[in-house]
Amino acid sequence: MAVALDTRPRRRKTSGPVIYFIALVLIAVMLVPVAYVILGGFRTNSEITVDPAGLPSTWNLSHYGDVLSSEVFWREVANSLITAVVTTFFVVALGLMASFVLARYSFRGRGFMYALFSAGLMFPLAVAITPLYILVRTLGLMNSLGGVIVPQIAFALPLTIIILVPFLQAIPRELQEAAAIDGCSRIGFFWRMVIPLSKPGVITVAILAFIQSWNSYILPLFILNNEASYTLPLGVQAFASQYSVDTAKVLAFTSLSMIPALVFFSLFERRIVGGLTGAVKG
């Protein structure tokens, strides 16, 4: 009598190493350029010219020291930090309030509003850069951080609302009814119950908004023409143009400008994954 063999466990065992190998290759592809930039700051220009892909023969700290002692670098760090923090605050505050209304209340035009925010994901910032430039100039916000912050808030809201709405919809209606019976107003329910229960989603959208603002380049490039208001991405370009012959110092400046975003993302990576997973389940 013939016996059918189940080969599914064997397929799983053989597919596991392949998946891990592909993951390691992708990780290496992403990390090698970052490692090259960071290590390049410890090398001399002659070493980079002779062996561009080599390791430092002697660890030269002078390039990083020059950048860290530069007033320009810290001014650009402050500008990027102010822009990212203010953008994140208003994105979370406005997105949470709009998501609360869309998730908890039924009214005419609710579906259209949600579809309108969803459609905002299809229009990248680069597509609207010309009308944004005209609008910012009309409002008198050129060469100011406000001219960068306001458009960033508007373009970050669609993703924020898409992530937060499922979190707020998952809150049981019975909980809101019980809070109303206890005399809790709608605003009180929002502050005491909604915000704590949607904390994973709030942290996720805050991290995404902060990193997106920190790495923003196109919008500041069009809005900021004064070096005193440059953010770090623009500062890297200006520094590379000024010290085009000093490759090692440019690499040091570039690595120091991207390290805060890398550290921030690495520390809160699980928060991002957990928040997005909760949004999908909701």
C-alpha atoms as a PDB file:
ATOM      1  CA  MET A   1       0.000   0.000   0.000  1.00  0.00           C
ATOM      2  CA  ALA A   2       1.396   3.371  -1.073  1.00  0.00           C
ATOM      3  CA  VAL A   3       1.940   5.928   1.624  1.00  0.00           C
ATOM      4  CA  ALA A   4       1.829   9.646   0.780  1.00  0.00           C
ATOM      5  CA  LEU A   5       4.732  11.586   2.183  1.00  0.00           C
ATOM      6  CA  ASP A   6       4.259  15.124   3.455  1.00  0.00           C
ATOM      7  CA  THR A   7       7.134  17.259   2.251  1.00  0.00           C
ATOM      8  CA  ARG A   8       5.906  20.554   3.706  1.00  0.00           C
ATOM      9  CA  PRO A   9       8.191  20.550   6.799  1.00  0.00           C
ATOM     10  CA  ARG A  10      11.198  19.901   4.552  1.00  0.00           C
ATOM     11  CA  ARG A  11      10.235  22.854   2.351  1.00  0.00           C
ATOM     12  CA  ARG A  12      10.011  25.057   5.380  1.00  0.00           C
ATOM     13  CA  LYS A  13      13.443  23.963   6.572  1.00  0.00           C
ATOM     14  CA  THR A  14      15.020  24.583   3.184  1.00  0.00           C
ATOM     15  CA  SER A  15      13.297  27.933   2.667  1.00  0.00           C
ATOM     16  CA  GLY A  16      14.390  29.277   6.048  1.00  0.00           C
ATOM     17  CA  PRO A  17      18.134  29.642   5.275  1.00  0.00           C
ATOM     18  CA  VAL A  18      17.333  31.133   1.878  1.00  0.00           C
ATOM     19  CA  ILE A  19      15.153  33.824   3.450  1.00  0.00           C
ATOM     20  CA  TYR A  20      17.806  34.638   6.042  1.00  0.00           C
ATOM     21  CA  PHE A  21      20.484  34.794   3.352  1.00  0.00           C
ATOM     22  CA  ILE A  22      18.417  37.210   1.261  1.00  0.00           C
ATOM     23  CA  ALA A  23      17.747  39.315   4.367  1.00  0.00           C
ATOM     24  CA  LEU A  24      21.471  39.457   5.175  1.00  0.00           C
ATOM     25  CA  VAL A  25      22.273  40.498   1.610  1.00  0.00           C
ATOM     26  CA  LEU A  26      19.705  43.307   1.748  1.00  0.00           C
ATOM     27  CA  ILE A  27      21.010  44.450   5.141  1.00  0.00           C
ATOM     28  CA  ALA A  28      24.565  44.499   3.777  1.00  0.00           C
ATOM     29  CA  VAL A  29      23.485  46.514   0.731  1.00  0.00           C
ATOM     30  CA  MET A  30      21.925  49.122   3.011  1.00  0.00           C
ATOM     31  CA  LEU A  31      24.654  49.235   5.662  1.00  0.00           C
ATOM     32  CA  VAL A  32      27.769  49.193   3.479  1.00  0.00           C
ATOM     33  CA  PRO A  33      27.265  52.771   2.133  1.00  0.00           C
ATOM     34  CA  VAL A  34      26.582  54.020   5.664  1.00  0.00           C
ATOM     35  CA  ALA A  35      29.715  52.302   6.980  1.00  0.00           C
ATOM     36  CA  TYR A  36      31.741  53.709   4.081  1.00  0.00           C
ATOM     37  CA  VAL A  37      30.684  57.266   4.897  1.00  0.00           C
ATOM     38  CA  ILE A  38      31.369  56.888   8.626  1.00  0.00           C
ATOM     39  CA  LEU A  39      34.767  55.218   8.153  1.00  0.00           C
ATOM     40  CA  GLY A  40      35.701  57.692   5.415  1.00  0.00           C
ATOM     41  CA  GLY A  41      35.607  60.486   7.989  1.00  0.00           C
ATOM     42  CA  PHE A  42      38.442  58.779   9.876  1.00  0.00           C
ATOM     43  CA  ARG A  43      40.688  58.567   6.808  1.00  0.00           C
ATOM     44  CA  THR A  44      42.884  61.105   5.058  1.00  0.00           C
ATOM     45  CA  ASN A  45      42.232  62.431   1.581  1.00  0.00           C
ATOM     46  CA  SER A  46      45.312  60.653   0.242  1.00  0.00           C
ATOM     47  CA  GLU A  47      44.086  57.320   1.602  1.00  0.00           C
ATOM     48  CA  ILE A  48      40.678  57.824  -0.014  1.00  0.00           C
ATOM     49  CA  THR A  49      42.339  58.682  -3.323  1.00  0.00           C
ATOM     50  CA  VAL A  50      44.694  55.678  -3.318  1.00  0.00           C
ATOM     51  CA  ASP A  51      42.221  53.105  -1.904  1.00  0.00           C
ATOM     52  CA  PRO A  52      38.612  54.399  -1.872  1.00  0.00           C
ATOM     53  CA  ALA A  53      37.197  51.193  -0.350  1.00  0.00           C
ATOM     54  CA  GLY A  54      39.925  50.556   2.222  1.00  0.00           C
ATOM     55  CA  LEU A  55      39.929  50.867   5.989  1.00  0.00           C
ATOM     56  CA  PRO A  56      41.710  53.668   7.852  1.00  0.00           C
ATOM     57  CA  SER A  57      45.391  52.925   8.375  1.00  0.00           C
ATOM     58  CA  THR A  58      45.399  55.360  11.270  1.00  0.00           C
ATOM     59  CA  TRP A  59      42.213  56.619  12.868  1.00  0.00           C
ATOM     60  CA  ASN A  60      42.210  60.345  12.205  1.00  0.00           C
ATOM     61  CA  LEU A  61      39.831  62.207  14.548  1.00  0.00           C
ATOM     62  CA  SER A  62      40.627  65.701  13.308  1.00  0.00           C
ATOM     63  CA  HIS A  63      37.862  65.794  10.686  1.00  0.00           C
ATOM     64  CA  TYR A  64      35.149  64.915  13.177  1.00  0.00           C
ATOM     65  CA  GLY A  65      36.683  67.329  15.667  1.00  0.00           C
ATOM     66  CA  ASP A  66      36.605  70.173  13.156  1.00  0.00           C
ATOM     67  CA  VAL A  67      32.948  69.519  12.349  1.00  0.00           C
ATOM     68  CA  LEU A  68      31.895  69.203  15.995  1.00  0.00           C
ATOM     69  CA  SER A  69      33.673  72.435  16.877  1.00  0.00           C
ATOM     70  CA  SER A  70      31.985  74.287  14.023  1.00  0.00           C
ATOM     71  CA  GLU A  71      29.263  76.761  14.944  1.00  0.00           C
ATOM     72  CA  VAL A  72      27.613  76.219  11.560  1.00  0.00           C
ATOM     73  CA  PHE A  73      27.066  72.518  12.242  1.00  0.00           C
ATOM     74  CA  TRP A  74      25.348  73.082  15.587  1.00  0.00           C
ATOM     75  CA  ARG A  75      23.202  75.885  14.171  1.00  0.00           C
ATOM     76  CA  GLU A  76      21.963  73.557  11.465  1.00  0.00           C
ATOM     77  CA  VAL A  77      21.359  70.835  14.047  1.00  0.00           C
ATOM     78  CA  ALA A  78      19.265  73.300  16.053  1.00  0.00           C
ATOM     79  CA  ASN A  79      17.284  74.321  12.950  1.00  0.00           C
ATOM     80  CA  SER A  80      16.597  70.691  12.044  1.00  0.00           C
ATOM     81  CA  LEU A  81      15.642  69.865  15.632  1.00  0.00           C
ATOM     82  CA  ILE A  82      13.245  72.805  15.916  1.00  0.00           C
ATOM     83  CA  THR A  83      11.655  71.976  12.573  1.00  0.00           C
ATOM     84  CA  ALA A  84      11.277  68.279  13.391  1.00  0.00           C
ATOM     85  CA  VAL A  85       9.928  68.783  16.931  1.00  0.00           C
ATOM     86  CA  VAL A  86       7.368  71.445  15.967  1.00  0.00           C
ATOM     87  CA  THR A  87       6.266  69.449  12.916  1.00  0.00           C
ATOM     88  CA  THR A  88       5.884  66.279  14.981  1.00  0.00           C
ATOM     89  CA  PHE A  89       3.892  68.033  17.699  1.00  0.00           C
ATOM     90  CA  PHE A  90       1.317  69.516  15.338  1.00  0.00           C
ATOM     91  CA  VAL A  91       1.117  66.391  13.180  1.00  0.00           C
ATOM     92  CA  VAL A  92       0.298  64.268  16.229  1.00  0.00           C
ATOM     93  CA  ALA A  93      -2.101  66.813  17.748  1.00  0.00           C
ATOM     94  CA  LEU A  94      -4.041  67.595  14.567  1.00  0.00           C
ATOM     95  CA  GLY A  95      -3.948  64.011  13.297  1.00  0.00           C
ATOM     96  CA  LEU A  96      -5.224  62.625  16.586  1.00  0.00           C
ATOM     97  CA  MET A  97      -8.132  65.064  16.738  1.00  0.00           C
ATOM     98  CA  ALA A  98      -9.118  64.510  13.103  1.00  0.00           C
ATOM     99  CA  SER A  99      -8.813  60.738  13.480  1.00  0.00           C
ATOM    100  CA  PHE A 100     -10.986  60.811  16.611  1.00  0.00           C
ATOM    101  CA  VAL A 101     -13.800  62.514  14.728  1.00  0.00           C
ATOM    102  CA  LEU A 102     -13.529  60.231  11.703  1.00  0.00           C
ATOM    103  CA  ALA A 103     -13.327  57.058  13.800  1.00  0.00           C
ATOM    104  CA  ARG A 104     -15.919  57.701  16.522  1.00  0.00           C
ATOM    105  CA  TYR A 105     -18.697  59.774  14.955  1.00  0.00           C
ATOM    106  CA  SER A 106     -21.046  59.334  12.008  1.00  0.00           C
ATOM    107  CA  PHE A 107     -21.885  62.423   9.954  1.00  0.00           C
ATOM    108  CA  ARG A 108     -22.548  63.391   6.372  1.00  0.00           C
ATOM    109  CA  GLY A 109     -19.389  63.573   4.328  1.00  0.00           C
ATOM    110  CA  ARG A 110     -17.383  61.378   6.694  1.00  0.00           C
ATOM    111  CA  GLY A 111     -16.472  58.883   3.965  1.00  0.00           C
ATOM    112  CA  PHE A 112     -15.522  61.672   1.588  1.00  0.00           C
ATOM    113  CA  MET A 113     -13.221  63.262   4.169  1.00  0.00           C
ATOM    114  CA  TYR A 114     -11.501  59.961   4.872  1.00  0.00           C
ATOM    115  CA  ALA A 115     -11.113  59.322   1.140  1.00  0.00           C
ATOM    116  CA  LEU A 116      -9.697  62.822   0.722  1.00  0.00           C
ATOM    117  CA  PHE A 117      -7.036  62.188   3.346  1.00  0.00           C
ATOM    118  CA  SER A 118      -6.299  58.804   1.775  1.00  0.00           C
ATOM    119  CA  ALA A 119      -5.873  60.464  -1.626  1.00  0.00           C
ATOM    120  CA  GLY A 120      -3.228  62.690  -0.072  1.00  0.00           C
ATOM    121  CA  LEU A 121      -0.909  59.680   0.048  1.00  0.00           C
ATOM    122  CA  MET A 122      -0.831  59.607  -3.758  1.00  0.00           C
ATOM    123  CA  PHE A 123       0.660  63.092  -4.108  1.00  0.00           C
ATOM    124  CA  PRO A 124       4.314  63.323  -3.047  1.00  0.00           C
ATOM    125  CA  LEU A 125       5.801  66.603  -1.967  1.00  0.00           C
ATOM    126  CA  ALA A 126       7.874  66.922  -5.132  1.00  0.00           C
ATOM    127  CA  VAL A 127       4.731  67.082  -7.273  1.00  0.00           C
ATOM    128  CA  ALA A 128       3.355  70.096  -5.399  1.00  0.00           C
ATOM    129  CA  ILE A 129       6.622  71.942  -4.842  1.00  0.00           C
ATOM    130  CA  THR A 130       5.844  74.752  -7.308  1.00  0.00           C
ATOM    131  CA  PRO A 131       2.400  75.716  -5.901  1.00  0.00           C
ATOM    132  CA  LEU A 132       3.813  75.292  -2.386  1.00  0.00           C
ATOM    133  CA  TYR A 133       6.618  77.707  -3.216  1.00  0.00           C
ATOM    134  CA  ILE A 134       4.123  80.281  -4.511  1.00  0.00           C
ATOM    135  CA  LEU A 135       1.883  79.824  -1.462  1.00  0.00           C
ATOM    136  CA  VAL A 136       4.751  80.134   1.023  1.00  0.00           C
ATOM    137  CA  ARG A 137       6.040  83.230  -0.743  1.00  0.00           C
ATOM    138  CA  THR A 138       2.550  84.777  -0.698  1.00  0.00           C
ATOM    139  CA  LEU A 139       2.271  84.119   3.034  1.00  0.00           C
ATOM    140  CA  GLY A 140       5.626  85.791   3.636  1.00  0.00           C
ATOM    141  CA  LEU A 141       7.260  82.671   5.087  1.00  0.00           C
ATOM    142  CA  MET A 142      10.252  82.488   2.761  1.00  0.00           C
ATOM    143  CA  ASN A 143      13.639  81.930   4.428  1.00  0.00           C
ATOM    144  CA  SER A 144      11.973  80.925   7.681  1.00  0.00           C
ATOM    145  CA  LEU A 145      11.509  77.595   9.406  1.00  0.00           C
ATOM    146  CA  GLY A 146       7.756  78.234   9.445  1.00  0.00           C
ATOM    147  CA  GLY A 147       7.708  78.026   5.657  1.00  0.00           C
ATOM    148  CA  VAL A 148       9.077  74.485   5.964  1.00  0.00           C
ATOM    149  CA  ILE A 149       7.060  73.388   8.989  1.00  0.00           C
ATOM    150  CA  VAL A 150       3.562  74.230   7.701  1.00  0.00           C
ATOM    151  CA  PRO A 151       3.789  72.234   4.421  1.00  0.00           C
ATOM    152  CA  GLN A 152       5.439  69.326   6.238  1.00  0.00           C
ATOM    153  CA  ILE A 153       2.517  69.163   8.648  1.00  0.00           C
ATOM    154  CA  ALA A 154       0.022  69.139   5.779  1.00  0.00           C
ATOM    155  CA  PHE A 155       1.806  66.354   3.894  1.00  0.00           C
ATOM    156  CA  ALA A 156       2.304  64.217   7.018  1.00  0.00           C
ATOM    157  CA  LEU A 157      -1.355  64.319   8.087  1.00  0.00           C
ATOM    158  CA  PRO A 158      -2.731  61.772   5.538  1.00  0.00           C
ATOM    159  CA  LEU A 159      -0.446  58.945   6.708  1.00  0.00           C
ATOM    160  CA  THR A 160      -1.019  59.938  10.331  1.00  0.00           C
ATOM    161  CA  ILE A 161      -4.790  59.714   9.971  1.00  0.00           C
ATOM    162  CA  ILE A 162      -4.634  56.428   8.049  1.00  0.00           C
ATOM    163  CA  ILE A 163      -2.611  54.892  10.901  1.00  0.00           C
ATOM    164  CA  LEU A 164      -4.572  56.374  13.815  1.00  0.00           C
ATOM    165  CA  VAL A 165      -8.138  55.788  12.629  1.00  0.00           C
ATOM    166  CA  PRO A 166      -7.987  51.963  13.107  1.00  0.00           C
ATOM    167  CA  PHE A 167      -6.599  52.438  16.620  1.00  0.00           C
ATOM    168  CA  LEU A 168      -9.454  54.728  17.593  1.00  0.00           C
ATOM    169  CA  GLN A 169     -12.070  52.526  15.924  1.00  0.00           C
ATOM    170  CA  ALA A 170     -10.841  49.567  17.993  1.00  0.00           C
ATOM    171  CA  ILE A 171     -11.781  51.301  21.260  1.00  0.00           C
ATOM    172  CA  PRO A 172     -15.051  49.673  22.431  1.00  0.00           C
ATOM    173  CA  ARG A 173     -18.181  51.792  22.218  1.00  0.00           C
ATOM    174  CA  GLU A 174     -19.215  50.421  25.595  1.00  0.00           C
ATOM    175  CA  LEU A 175     -16.204  52.117  27.153  1.00  0.00           C
ATOM    176  CA  GLN A 176     -17.313  55.502  25.853  1.00  0.00           C
ATOM    177  CA  GLU A 177     -20.891  54.880  27.002  1.00  0.00           C
ATOM    178  CA  ALA A 178     -19.692  53.905  30.473  1.00  0.00           C
ATOM    179  CA  ALA A 179     -17.553  57.044  30.648  1.00  0.00           C
ATOM    180  CA  ALA A 180     -20.575  59.158  29.633  1.00  0.00           C
ATOM    181  CA  ILE A 181     -22.676  57.568  32.377  1.00  0.00           C
ATOM    182  CA  ASP A 182     -19.977  58.453  34.906  1.00  0.00           C
ATOM    183  CA  GLY A 183     -20.242  62.069  33.799  1.00  0.00           C
ATOM    184  CA  CYS A 184     -17.175  62.175  31.562  1.00  0.00           C
ATOM    185  CA  SER A 185     -17.548  64.628  28.681  1.00  0.00           C
ATOM    186  CA  ARG A 186     -16.408  63.927  25.137  1.00  0.00           C
ATOM    187  CA  ILE A 187     -13.297  66.003  25.621  1.00  0.00           C
ATOM    188  CA  GLY A 188     -12.618  64.265  28.922  1.00  0.00           C
ATOM    189  CA  PHE A 189     -13.023  60.881  27.268  1.00  0.00           C
ATOM    190  CA  PHE A 190     -10.601  61.979  24.562  1.00  0.00           C
ATOM    191  CA  TRP A 191      -7.914  63.061  27.040  1.00  0.00           C
ATOM    192  CA  ARG A 192      -8.361  60.335  29.674  1.00  0.00           C
ATOM    193  CA  MET A 193      -9.152  57.283  27.545  1.00  0.00           C
ATOM    194  CA  VAL A 194      -8.491  57.797  23.849  1.00  0.00           C
ATOM    195  CA  ILE A 195      -4.944  59.144  24.050  1.00  0.00           C
ATOM    196  CA  PRO A 196      -3.628  56.473  26.503  1.00  0.00           C
ATOM    197  CA  LEU A 197      -5.285  53.616  24.581  1.00  0.00           C
ATOM    198  CA  SER A 198      -3.923  54.825  21.226  1.00  0.00           C
ATOM    199  CA  LYS A 199      -0.407  55.361  22.563  1.00  0.00           C
ATOM    200  CA  PRO A 200       1.276  52.794  20.230  1.00  0.00           C
ATOM    201  CA  GLY A 201      -0.199  54.493  17.164  1.00  0.00           C
ATOM    202  CA  VAL A 202       0.680  57.964  18.463  1.00  0.00           C
ATOM    203  CA  ILE A 203       4.293  56.941  19.044  1.00  0.00           C
ATOM    204  CA  THR A 204       4.469  55.417  15.565  1.00  0.00           C
ATOM    205  CA  VAL A 205       3.197  58.494  13.728  1.00  0.00           C
ATOM    206  CA  ALA A 206       5.387  60.748  15.886  1.00  0.00           C
ATOM    207  CA  ILE A 207       8.512  58.787  14.958  1.00  0.00           C
ATOM    208  CA  LEU A 208       7.618  58.747  11.262  1.00  0.00           C
ATOM    209  CA  ALA A 209       6.882  62.482  11.244  1.00  0.00           C
ATOM    210  CA  PHE A 210      10.110  63.297  13.084  1.00  0.00           C
ATOM    211  CA  ILE A 211      12.330  61.235  10.769  1.00  0.00           C
ATOM    212  CA  GLN A 212      10.590  62.534   7.654  1.00  0.00           C
ATOM    213  CA  SER A 213      11.062  66.118   8.799  1.00  0.00           C
ATOM    214  CA  TRP A 214      14.686  65.552   9.828  1.00  0.00           C
ATOM    215  CA  ASN A 215      15.564  64.084   6.418  1.00  0.00           C
ATOM    216  CA  SER A 216      13.529  66.563   4.364  1.00  0.00           C
ATOM    217  CA  TYR A 217      15.567  68.100   1.575  1.00  0.00           C
ATOM    218  CA  ILE A 218      13.430  69.226  -1.384  1.00  0.00           C
ATOM    219  CA  LEU A 219      11.159  71.591   0.538  1.00  0.00           C
ATOM    220  CA  PRO A 220      13.953  73.375   2.481  1.00  0.00           C
ATOM    221  CA  LEU A 221      15.918  73.625  -0.776  1.00  0.00           C
ATOM    222  CA  PHE A 222      13.166  75.751  -2.324  1.00  0.00           C
ATOM    223  CA  ILE A 223      12.119  77.685   0.791  1.00  0.00           C
ATOM    224  CA  LEU A 224      15.396  78.406   2.594  1.00  0.00           C
ATOM    225  CA  ASN A 225      17.880  80.625   0.776  1.00  0.00           C
ATOM    226  CA  ASN A 226      19.589  82.075   3.840  1.00  0.00           C
ATOM    227  CA  GLU A 227      22.415  79.975   5.287  1.00  0.00           C
ATOM    228  CA  ALA A 228      21.431  81.030   8.806  1.00  0.00           C
ATOM    229  CA  SER A 229      18.175  79.057   8.452  1.00  0.00           C
ATOM    230  CA  TYR A 230      19.635  75.973   6.758  1.00  0.00           C
ATOM    231  CA  THR A 231      18.679  72.555   8.072  1.00  0.00           C
ATOM    232  CA  LEU A 232      21.180  69.695   8.117  1.00  0.00           C
ATOM    233  CA  PRO A 233      20.355  68.232   4.667  1.00  0.00           C
ATOM    234  CA  LEU A 234      20.952  71.642   3.090  1.00  0.00           C
ATOM    235  CA  GLY A 235      23.997  72.124   5.289  1.00  0.00           C
ATOM    236  CA  VAL A 236      25.521  68.919   3.939  1.00  0.00           C
ATOM    237  CA  GLN A 237      25.118  70.195   0.384  1.00  0.00           C
ATOM    238  CA  ALA A 238      26.571  73.594   1.222  1.00  0.00           C
ATOM    239  CA  PHE A 239      29.452  72.026   3.143  1.00  0.00           C
ATOM    240  CA  ALA A 240      30.221  69.628   0.278  1.00  0.00           C
ATOM    241  CA  SER A 241      30.320  72.555  -2.150  1.00  0.00           C
ATOM    242  CA  GLN A 242      32.567  74.606   0.104  1.00  0.00           C
ATOM    243  CA  TYR A 243      34.997  71.769   0.891  1.00  0.00           C
ATOM    244  CA  SER A 244      34.741  69.852  -2.372  1.00  0.00           C
ATOM    245  CA  VAL A 245      38.469  69.064  -2.350  1.00  0.00           C
ATOM    246  CA  ASP A 246      38.420  67.812   1.270  1.00  0.00           C
ATOM    247  CA  THR A 247      36.546  64.552   0.789  1.00  0.00           C
ATOM    248  CA  ALA A 248      37.296  63.175   4.258  1.00  0.00           C
ATOM    249  CA  LYS A 249      35.867  66.228   6.011  1.00  0.00           C
ATOM    250  CA  VAL A 250      32.752  66.104   3.820  1.00  0.00           C
ATOM    251  CA  LEU A 251      32.261  62.441   4.760  1.00  0.00           C
ATOM    252  CA  ALA A 252      32.675  63.331   8.444  1.00  0.00           C
ATOM    253  CA  PHE A 253      30.066  66.093   8.179  1.00  0.00           C
ATOM    254  CA  THR A 254      27.690  63.770   6.306  1.00  0.00           C
ATOM    255  CA  SER A 255      28.028  60.957   8.822  1.00  0.00           C
ATOM    256  CA  LEU A 256      27.443  63.255  11.793  1.00  0.00           C
ATOM    257  CA  SER A 257      24.330  64.664  10.116  1.00  0.00           C
ATOM    258  CA  MET A 258      22.756  61.259   9.548  1.00  0.00           C
ATOM    259  CA  ILE A 259      23.708  59.606  12.844  1.00  0.00           C
ATOM    260  CA  PRO A 260      20.888  61.249  14.890  1.00  0.00           C
ATOM    261  CA  ALA A 261      18.213  59.918  12.522  1.00  0.00           C
ATOM    262  CA  LEU A 262      19.803  56.456  12.483  1.00  0.00           C
ATOM    263  CA  VAL A 263      20.009  56.317  16.266  1.00  0.00           C
ATOM    264  CA  PHE A 264      16.471  57.634  16.678  1.00  0.00           C
ATOM    265  CA  PHE A 265      15.081  55.100  14.209  1.00  0.00           C
ATOM    266  CA  SER A 266      17.052  52.211  15.739  1.00  0.00           C
ATOM    267  CA  LEU A 267      15.842  52.972  19.257  1.00  0.00           C
ATOM    268  CA  PHE A 268      12.181  53.115  18.265  1.00  0.00           C
ATOM    269  CA  GLU A 269      12.134  50.496  15.495  1.00  0.00           C
ATOM    270  CA  ARG A 270       9.989  48.084  17.531  1.00  0.00           C
ATOM    271  CA  ARG A 271       7.570  50.888  18.332  1.00  0.00           C
ATOM    272  CA  ILE A 272       7.105  51.573  14.616  1.00  0.00           C
ATOM    273  CA  VAL A 273       6.537  47.912  13.754  1.00  0.00           C
ATOM    274  CA  GLY A 274       4.190  47.422  16.711  1.00  0.00           C
ATOM    275  CA  GLY A 275       2.183  50.514  15.862  1.00  0.00           C
ATOM    276  CA  LEU A 276       1.782  49.576  12.197  1.00  0.00           C
ATOM    277  CA  THR A 277       0.826  46.008  13.166  1.00  0.00           C
ATOM    278  CA  GLY A 278      -1.828  47.337  15.525  1.00  0.00           C
ATOM    279  CA  ALA A 279      -3.187  49.585  12.790  1.00  0.00           C
ATOM    280  CA  VAL A 280      -3.492  46.641  10.387  1.00  0.00           C
ATOM    281  CA  LYS A 281      -5.237  44.493  13.007  1.00  0.00           C
ATOM    282  CA  GLY A 282      -7.582  47.344  13.892  1.00  0.00           C
END
